[in-house]
């Protein structure tokens, strides 16, 4: 039996000089290394091949790793195909962005990147619609089975007053389209040794690690909670409605390619939030304390809120789908670097205190026109007008005693 003991709280985060230093604009704005997955192949170095041929060779991999597995069930296969398409589309975009050559190659790479992100968005939304339709068709059968299960549990527990700390309504944590997964433990590790898909998932423990050796796919909600321990997912997180993660004194990591949901809510304490996976959600709320936040690939719908304290924030937003989206980024005593798409149009406010400085810059002065209502060392407010986009976005960035940078 595993020894049960509380985990020690990690030491407070200490900012380094390299973390607070603002990156070079031309180098950091594209960040190809952040967009590439560790397993992505390096682009071809054949000097005789132009950028168009380079991209043509990369188009066929979009359909790789897409197959139907009879053991996963309909929802499991929909999620699996979505994950594969997103990963392949992102790899194709990264390959094009990595093409050597002239400015035309760079323009091609940017176009491919936008197309790949649009593909990822459309595919995931389509998959979620299919999941919703599949669930609605089986609603009456599911309600009947739930009623039978409740009656069975009531009869089973009528002679006992003790409740089990672990409840799993699936037979063996396999892929079951009509299943609900709930596991609650105390003072011990919680480990799920395979991927799961179903309607809703709730995993909770304390004073031990919470680990999933696979992916979680839900047609409704995914809730993960831990106290004094990590939350680690080896695969993807996909949910039609909500993904909520809550942890204190422990990190949250996702090693899969994507995190996709309508709402994403992550709350940590004294732990860094470093997510390199592709994040797509309409509403995103990410909070921690005394630790840095680093998001490499964000596809935003309507609202993004990121907060920490005494630690830096670095965020790369790939695209924004809602014309009135709002973004709020806040920390203290540390730097902030936020990269938004070159199509950004709307209001911006970037603030620090008298000991800090702020910067707002646009990559293309022909496409993006910056008008400053306030243009001071530690405060810049105004409007960005885009010749190709009439959206009305809003972004506010706030820190203290450090530099804050907004790159458009």
Protein backbone atom coordinates (compact mmCIF):
# COMPACT_ATOMS: atom_id res chain seq x y z
CA UNK A 1 0.00 0.00 0.00
CA UNK A 2 1.31 3.47 -0.89
CA UNK A 3 2.33 5.57 2.08
CA UNK A 4 -0.01 8.49 2.57
CA UNK A 5 1.48 11.82 3.53
CA UNK A 6 0.86 15.49 2.67
CA UNK A 7 3.10 17.10 0.09
CA UNK A 8 5.35 19.97 1.01
CA UNK A 9 4.46 23.37 -0.41
CA UNK A 10 6.88 24.55 -3.10
CA UNK A 11 9.07 27.60 -2.42
CA UNK A 12 7.74 30.94 -3.72
CA UNK A 13 8.58 31.80 -7.30
CA UNK A 14 11.71 33.95 -7.79
CA UNK A 15 11.82 35.91 -11.03
CA UNK A 16 15.03 35.75 -13.07
CA UNK A 17 16.49 38.53 -15.13
CA UNK A 18 15.88 36.62 -18.37
CA UNK A 19 12.20 36.19 -17.56
CA UNK A 20 11.66 39.91 -17.06
CA UNK A 21 13.59 41.04 -20.11
CA UNK A 22 11.29 41.89 -23.08
CA UNK A 23 12.01 39.73 -26.12
CA UNK A 24 13.16 41.02 -29.48
CA UNK A 25 10.00 41.85 -31.47
CA UNK A 26 10.89 40.19 -34.78
CA UNK A 27 12.11 37.05 -33.02
CA UNK A 28 9.33 36.71 -30.46
CA UNK A 29 6.34 37.76 -32.54
CA UNK A 30 6.48 34.67 -34.76
CA UNK A 31 7.83 32.23 -32.15
CA UNK A 32 7.99 29.18 -34.47
CA UNK A 33 9.61 27.08 -31.77
CA UNK A 34 6.67 27.66 -29.42
CA UNK A 35 4.18 26.59 -32.06
CA UNK A 36 6.04 23.44 -33.01
CA UNK A 37 5.44 20.28 -31.06
CA UNK A 38 8.54 18.35 -29.90
CA UNK A 39 7.84 15.63 -32.43
CA UNK A 40 7.43 17.98 -35.41
CA UNK A 41 9.86 17.24 -38.25
CA UNK A 42 12.27 19.97 -39.19
CA UNK A 43 11.52 21.77 -42.49
CA UNK A 44 13.33 20.73 -45.66
CA UNK A 45 16.64 22.44 -46.38
CA UNK A 46 16.63 21.71 -50.13
CA UNK A 47 17.57 25.04 -51.67
CA UNK A 48 16.13 24.01 -55.04
CA UNK A 49 12.59 23.82 -53.62
CA UNK A 50 10.55 27.01 -53.35
CA UNK A 51 8.00 27.87 -50.66
CA UNK A 52 4.99 26.69 -52.67
CA UNK A 53 6.49 23.24 -53.30
CA UNK A 54 7.45 23.08 -49.64
CA UNK A 55 3.84 23.62 -48.59
CA UNK A 56 2.46 21.20 -51.21
CA UNK A 57 4.58 18.42 -49.76
CA UNK A 58 3.09 19.20 -46.34
CA UNK A 59 -0.56 19.07 -47.35
CA UNK A 60 -0.98 15.31 -47.45
CA UNK A 61 -0.04 14.81 -43.77
CA UNK A 62 -3.29 16.61 -42.82
CA UNK A 63 -5.03 13.25 -43.27
CA UNK A 64 -2.47 11.18 -41.41
CA UNK A 65 -3.40 9.33 -38.21
CA UNK A 66 -7.13 9.50 -39.04
CA UNK A 67 -8.89 6.15 -38.70
CA UNK A 68 -11.90 4.55 -37.03
CA UNK A 69 -11.27 2.42 -33.96
CA UNK A 70 -14.19 0.13 -33.20
CA UNK A 71 -13.11 -0.09 -29.55
CA UNK A 72 -13.49 3.66 -28.91
CA UNK A 73 -17.14 4.10 -29.85
CA UNK A 74 -18.67 7.00 -31.87
CA UNK A 75 -17.77 9.84 -29.51
CA UNK A 76 -14.29 8.52 -28.87
CA UNK A 77 -13.65 8.34 -32.61
CA UNK A 78 -15.01 11.84 -33.25
CA UNK A 79 -12.69 13.24 -30.59
CA UNK A 80 -9.74 11.21 -31.88
CA UNK A 81 -10.24 12.43 -35.45
CA UNK A 82 -10.55 16.02 -34.23
CA UNK A 83 -7.30 15.74 -32.28
CA UNK A 84 -5.49 14.26 -35.29
CA UNK A 85 -6.71 16.98 -37.67
CA UNK A 86 -5.75 19.76 -35.26
CA UNK A 87 -2.29 18.30 -34.75
CA UNK A 88 -1.74 17.78 -38.48
CA UNK A 89 -3.00 21.26 -39.38
CA UNK A 90 -0.76 22.88 -36.78
CA UNK A 91 2.24 20.88 -38.02
CA UNK A 92 1.54 22.00 -41.59
CA UNK A 93 1.39 25.64 -40.48
CA UNK A 94 4.65 25.31 -38.57
CA UNK A 95 6.35 23.72 -41.58
CA UNK A 96 5.30 26.60 -43.81
CA UNK A 97 6.38 29.18 -41.24
CA UNK A 98 9.76 27.49 -41.10
CA UNK A 99 10.31 27.69 -44.88
CA UNK A 100 13.48 29.57 -45.80
CA UNK A 101 13.39 32.21 -48.50
CA UNK A 102 12.06 35.62 -49.31
CA UNK A 103 9.21 37.65 -47.90
CA UNK A 104 6.78 35.72 -50.11
CA UNK A 105 7.61 32.59 -48.14
CA UNK A 106 6.89 34.45 -44.92
CA UNK A 107 3.55 35.66 -46.32
CA UNK A 108 2.73 32.12 -47.40
CA UNK A 109 3.60 30.83 -43.97
CA UNK A 110 1.34 33.38 -42.32
CA UNK A 111 -1.54 32.49 -44.65
CA UNK A 112 -1.07 28.79 -44.03
CA UNK A 113 -0.93 29.39 -40.29
CA UNK A 114 -4.24 31.25 -40.38
CA UNK A 115 -5.78 28.56 -42.59
CA UNK A 116 -4.58 25.80 -40.30
CA UNK A 117 -5.96 27.55 -37.23
CA UNK A 118 -9.28 28.11 -39.02
CA UNK A 119 -9.35 24.42 -39.94
CA UNK A 120 -8.69 23.46 -36.35
CA UNK A 121 -11.51 25.74 -35.19
CA UNK A 122 -14.03 24.49 -37.74
CA UNK A 123 -13.18 20.83 -37.22
CA UNK A 124 -13.47 21.03 -33.46
CA UNK A 125 -16.78 22.91 -33.64
CA UNK A 126 -18.15 20.37 -36.10
CA UNK A 127 -17.06 17.53 -33.84
CA UNK A 128 -18.79 19.13 -30.87
CA UNK A 129 -21.99 19.53 -32.92
CA UNK A 130 -21.84 15.86 -33.90
CA UNK A 131 -21.37 14.90 -30.27
CA UNK A 132 -24.35 17.00 -29.23
CA UNK A 133 -26.56 15.47 -31.90
CA UNK A 134 -25.49 11.95 -30.99
CA UNK A 135 -26.25 12.54 -27.31
CA UNK A 136 -29.65 14.12 -28.01
CA UNK A 137 -30.75 11.13 -30.07
CA UNK A 138 -30.06 8.80 -27.17
CA UNK A 139 -31.45 11.03 -24.42
CA UNK A 140 -34.50 8.92 -23.58
CA UNK A 141 -32.51 5.68 -23.43
CA UNK A 142 -29.89 7.30 -21.22
CA UNK A 143 -32.45 8.71 -18.80
CA UNK A 144 -34.01 5.26 -18.48
CA UNK A 145 -30.66 3.65 -17.75
CA UNK A 146 -29.81 6.33 -15.18
CA UNK A 147 -33.15 5.75 -13.46
CA UNK A 148 -32.46 2.03 -13.32
CA UNK A 149 -28.98 2.62 -11.90
CA UNK A 150 -30.32 4.96 -9.21
CA UNK A 151 -32.88 2.38 -8.24
CA UNK A 152 -30.22 -0.32 -8.10
CA UNK A 153 -27.89 1.82 -5.96
CA UNK A 154 -30.73 2.72 -3.61
CA UNK A 155 -31.54 -0.94 -3.09
CA UNK A 156 -27.90 -1.86 -2.62
CA UNK A 157 -27.16 0.87 -0.08
CA UNK A 158 -30.39 0.56 1.92
CA UNK A 159 -28.76 -1.75 4.45
CA UNK A 160 -25.53 0.19 4.91
CA UNK A 161 -24.70 3.68 6.15
CA UNK A 162 -21.10 3.73 4.89
CA UNK A 163 -20.34 5.60 1.67
CA UNK A 164 -17.54 4.63 -0.67
CA UNK A 165 -14.81 7.23 -1.26
CA UNK A 166 -14.67 6.16 -4.91
CA UNK A 167 -17.58 6.06 -7.33
CA UNK A 168 -17.22 5.12 -10.97
CA UNK A 169 -20.42 4.70 -12.98
CA UNK A 170 -18.53 3.05 -15.83
CA UNK A 171 -17.72 -0.64 -15.63
CA UNK A 172 -13.94 -0.37 -15.98
CA UNK A 173 -13.17 3.20 -17.11
CA UNK A 174 -13.49 2.19 -20.76
CA UNK A 175 -14.89 4.29 -23.61
CA UNK A 176 -18.63 4.43 -23.02
CA UNK A 177 -20.66 7.11 -24.78
CA UNK A 178 -23.36 7.15 -22.05
CA UNK A 179 -21.06 7.08 -19.04
CA UNK A 180 -20.37 9.39 -16.15
CA UNK A 181 -17.04 9.07 -14.40
CA UNK A 182 -16.66 10.16 -10.77
CA UNK A 183 -13.71 9.23 -8.57
CA UNK A 184 -13.07 10.89 -5.21
CA UNK A 185 -10.11 10.00 -3.00
CA UNK A 186 -8.49 11.43 0.12
CA UNK A 187 -4.83 11.51 1.13
CA UNK A 188 -3.77 9.31 -1.77
CA UNK A 189 -2.86 9.40 -5.43
CA UNK A 190 -5.58 9.18 -8.05
CA UNK A 191 -4.47 7.50 -11.28
CA UNK A 192 -6.50 6.75 -14.40
CA UNK A 193 -4.55 4.38 -16.61
CA UNK A 194 -6.34 4.83 -19.94
CA UNK A 195 -8.24 7.35 -22.04
CA UNK A 196 -11.90 7.96 -21.25
CA UNK A 197 -14.85 9.45 -23.14
CA UNK A 198 -18.43 9.98 -22.00
CA UNK A 199 -20.84 12.64 -20.79
CA UNK A 200 -19.16 14.06 -17.66
CA UNK A 201 -16.02 13.47 -15.63
CA UNK A 202 -15.22 14.43 -12.02
CA UNK A 203 -11.86 13.48 -10.48
CA UNK A 204 -10.82 14.73 -7.04
CA UNK A 205 -8.12 13.93 -4.51
CA UNK A 206 -5.92 15.55 -1.85
CA UNK A 207 -2.33 15.13 -0.68
CA UNK A 208 -1.47 13.01 -3.70
CA UNK A 209 -1.02 13.31 -7.45
CA UNK A 210 -3.92 13.27 -9.91
CA UNK A 211 -2.74 11.65 -13.15
CA UNK A 212 -4.50 10.56 -16.34
CA UNK A 213 -2.46 8.35 -18.68
CA UNK A 214 -4.48 9.26 -21.75
CA UNK A 215 -7.12 11.74 -22.93
CA UNK A 216 -10.43 12.87 -21.44
CA UNK A 217 -13.34 13.59 -23.82
CA UNK A 218 -16.74 14.71 -22.48
CA UNK A 219 -19.95 15.79 -24.16
CA UNK A 220 -20.63 17.97 -21.10
CA UNK A 221 -18.12 18.80 -18.33
CA UNK A 222 -14.67 17.80 -17.09
CA UNK A 223 -13.82 18.73 -13.47
CA UNK A 224 -10.38 18.03 -11.97
CA UNK A 225 -9.55 19.01 -8.37
CA UNK A 226 -6.51 18.44 -6.18
CA UNK A 227 -5.18 19.86 -2.92
CA UNK A 228 -1.43 19.76 -2.31
CA UNK A 229 -0.74 17.80 -5.46
CA UNK A 230 -0.27 17.96 -9.21
CA UNK A 231 -2.82 17.50 -11.99
CA UNK A 232 -1.19 15.84 -15.02
CA UNK A 233 -2.88 14.79 -18.27
CA UNK A 234 -0.82 12.76 -20.74
CA UNK A 235 -3.28 13.27 -23.62
CA UNK A 236 -5.90 15.83 -24.72
CA UNK A 237 -8.75 17.52 -22.85
CA UNK A 238 -11.98 17.94 -24.85
CA UNK A 239 -15.39 18.98 -23.50
CA UNK A 240 -18.44 20.51 -25.16
CA UNK A 241 -19.39 22.69 -22.20
CA UNK A 242 -16.75 23.20 -19.50
CA UNK A 243 -13.25 22.18 -18.44
CA UNK A 244 -12.52 23.21 -14.84
CA UNK A 245 -9.21 22.56 -13.07
CA UNK A 246 -8.51 23.54 -9.47
CA UNK A 247 -5.26 22.82 -7.64
CA UNK A 248 -3.29 24.27 -4.76
CA UNK A 249 0.46 23.85 -4.33
CA UNK A 250 0.63 21.69 -7.43
CA UNK A 251 1.15 22.19 -11.16
CA UNK A 252 -1.31 21.57 -13.99
CA UNK A 253 0.20 20.02 -17.13
CA UNK A 254 -1.26 18.77 -20.39
CA UNK A 255 1.08 16.84 -22.67
CA UNK A 256 -1.43 16.30 -25.48
CA UNK A 257 -1.84 18.55 -28.51
CA UNK A 258 -5.04 20.35 -27.54
CA UNK A 259 -7.42 21.68 -24.89
CA UNK A 260 -10.83 22.43 -26.41
CA UNK A 261 -14.05 23.50 -24.70
CA UNK A 262 -16.67 26.22 -24.64
CA UNK A 263 -15.38 27.34 -21.23
CA UNK A 264 -11.93 26.78 -19.71
CA UNK A 265 -11.46 27.65 -16.03
CA UNK A 266 -8.10 26.94 -14.35
CA UNK A 267 -7.31 28.07 -10.80
CA UNK A 268 -3.91 27.33 -9.23
CA UNK A 269 -2.03 28.56 -6.17
CA UNK A 270 1.76 28.84 -5.87
CA UNK A 271 2.28 26.88 -9.09
CA UNK A 272 3.28 27.93 -12.62
CA UNK A 273 0.82 27.68 -15.47
CA UNK A 274 2.80 26.64 -18.54
CA UNK A 275 0.67 25.29 -21.40
CA UNK A 276 2.18 24.66 -24.82
CA UNK A 277 -0.88 22.77 -26.09
CA UNK A 278 -3.32 24.38 -28.52
CA UNK A 279 -6.06 26.06 -26.45
CA UNK A 280 -9.43 26.82 -28.00
CA UNK A 281 -12.35 28.13 -25.95
CA UNK A 282 -14.99 30.82 -26.09
CA UNK A 283 -14.39 31.82 -22.46
CA UNK A 284 -10.96 31.38 -20.85
CA UNK A 285 -10.25 32.17 -17.19
CA UNK A 286 -6.75 31.30 -15.89
CA UNK A 287 -5.49 32.29 -12.44
CA UNK A 288 -2.53 31.49 -10.22
CA UNK A 289 -0.45 33.23 -7.54
CA UNK A 290 3.27 33.77 -7.07
CA UNK A 291 4.09 31.86 -10.27
CA UNK A 292 4.52 32.61 -13.99
CA UNK A 293 2.01 32.04 -16.78
CA UNK A 294 3.11 30.97 -20.27
CA UNK A 295 0.56 30.20 -23.00
CA UNK A 296 1.96 29.38 -26.44
CA UNK A 297 -1.12 28.72 -28.63
CA UNK A 298 -4.45 30.37 -27.81
CA UNK A 299 -7.48 30.51 -30.10
CA UNK A 300 -9.91 32.85 -28.36
CA UNK A 301 -13.64 33.21 -28.75
CA UNK A 302 -15.10 35.99 -26.59
CA UNK A 303 -13.30 36.48 -23.24
CA UNK A 304 -9.79 35.84 -21.90
CA UNK A 305 -8.72 36.62 -18.33
CA UNK A 306 -5.24 35.76 -17.04
CA UNK A 307 -4.06 36.78 -13.56
CA UNK A 308 -1.05 36.05 -11.38
CA UNK A 309 1.18 37.95 -8.95
CA UNK A 310 4.91 38.46 -8.45
CA UNK A 311 5.69 36.57 -11.67
CA UNK A 312 5.82 37.22 -15.43
CA UNK A 313 3.17 36.51 -18.06
CA UNK A 314 3.83 35.55 -21.68
CA UNK A 315 0.86 34.88 -23.99
CA UNK A 316 0.58 34.21 -27.73
CA UNK A 317 -2.95 34.60 -29.15
CA UNK A 318 -3.22 33.03 -32.60
CA UNK A 319 -6.70 34.20 -33.57
CA UNK A 320 -9.84 35.82 -32.16
CA UNK A 321 -13.20 34.65 -33.53
CA UNK A 322 -15.62 37.07 -31.82
CA UNK A 323 -15.77 40.67 -33.10
CA UNK A 324 -16.26 42.08 -29.57
CA UNK A 325 -13.81 39.88 -27.67
CA UNK A 326 -12.24 41.23 -24.47
CA UNK A 327 -8.82 40.37 -23.01
CA UNK A 328 -7.60 41.18 -19.50
CA UNK A 329 -4.04 40.37 -18.38
CA UNK A 330 -2.72 41.26 -14.91
CA UNK A 331 0.30 40.61 -12.70
CA UNK A 332 2.55 42.54 -10.31
CA UNK A 333 6.29 43.06 -9.87
CA UNK A 334 7.05 41.25 -13.14
CA UNK A 335 6.99 41.69 -16.89
CA UNK A 336 4.13 41.05 -19.31
CA UNK A 337 4.43 40.16 -23.00
CA UNK A 338 1.23 39.70 -25.00
CA UNK A 339 1.13 38.90 -28.72
CA UNK A 340 -2.18 39.33 -30.58
CA UNK A 341 -2.96 38.65 -34.26
CA UNK A 342 -1.97 41.32 -36.77
CA UNK A 343 -5.70 41.58 -37.57
CA UNK A 344 -6.35 43.07 -34.09
CA UNK A 345 -8.64 46.10 -34.14
CA UNK A 346 -10.03 47.92 -31.13
CA UNK A 347 -9.19 49.52 -27.79
CA UNK A 348 -5.98 48.90 -25.85
CA UNK A 349 -4.77 49.93 -22.39
CA UNK A 350 -1.31 48.99 -21.12
CA UNK A 351 -0.24 50.18 -17.66
CA UNK A 352 2.60 49.89 -15.17
CA UNK A 353 3.58 52.14 -12.28
CA UNK A 354 6.22 54.87 -12.21
CA UNK A 355 8.97 52.27 -11.75
CA UNK A 356 8.00 50.43 -14.93
CA UNK A 357 7.49 51.15 -18.61
CA UNK A 358 5.08 50.04 -21.32
CA UNK A 359 5.23 49.56 -25.06
CA UNK A 360 2.61 49.09 -27.79
CA UNK A 361 3.81 48.34 -31.31
CA UNK A 362 2.40 47.05 -34.59
CA UNK A 363 4.29 44.78 -36.93
CA UNK A 364 2.68 46.27 -40.04
CA UNK A 365 2.26 50.03 -39.92
CA UNK A 366 0.39 49.88 -43.24
CA UNK A 367 -2.21 47.42 -41.95
CA UNK A 368 -2.44 48.56 -38.31
CA UNK A 369 -2.80 52.23 -37.42
CA UNK A 370 -2.18 53.11 -33.75
CA UNK A 371 -3.86 56.17 -32.28
CA UNK A 372 -2.76 57.05 -28.72
CA UNK A 373 -5.10 58.94 -26.40
CA UNK A 374 -2.47 58.58 -23.66
CA UNK A 375 1.17 58.06 -24.57
CA UNK A 376 3.27 58.10 -21.41
CA UNK A 377 6.25 56.05 -20.24
CA UNK A 378 4.18 53.87 -17.92
CA UNK A 379 0.75 54.20 -19.51
CA UNK A 380 -0.46 53.88 -23.08
CA UNK A 381 -4.11 53.91 -24.11
CA UNK A 382 -5.73 54.25 -27.48
CA UNK A 383 -7.23 52.53 -30.50
CA UNK A 384 -5.77 50.28 -33.15
CA UNK A 385 -7.48 50.56 -36.53
CA UNK A 386 -7.01 47.75 -39.01
CA UNK A 387 -7.61 48.29 -42.72
CA UNK A 388 -8.76 44.68 -43.16
CA UNK A 389 -10.76 44.22 -39.96
CA UNK A 390 -13.60 46.28 -38.49
CA UNK A 391 -13.84 44.34 -35.23
CA UNK A 392 -14.04 46.07 -31.87
CA UNK A 393 -11.73 44.09 -29.58
CA UNK A 394 -10.62 45.31 -26.16
CA UNK A 395 -7.40 44.46 -24.33
CA UNK A 396 -6.14 45.68 -20.96
CA UNK A 397 -2.70 44.82 -19.56
CA UNK A 398 -1.54 45.77 -16.08
CA UNK A 399 1.60 45.23 -14.00
CA UNK A 400 3.86 47.11 -11.57
CA UNK A 401 7.60 47.71 -11.18
CA UNK A 402 8.27 46.09 -14.56
CA UNK A 403 7.81 46.43 -18.30
CA UNK A 404 4.60 45.55 -20.17
CA UNK A 405 4.60 44.93 -23.92
CA UNK A 406 1.72 44.57 -26.39
CA UNK A 407 2.67 43.34 -29.85
CA UNK A 408 0.11 43.58 -32.66
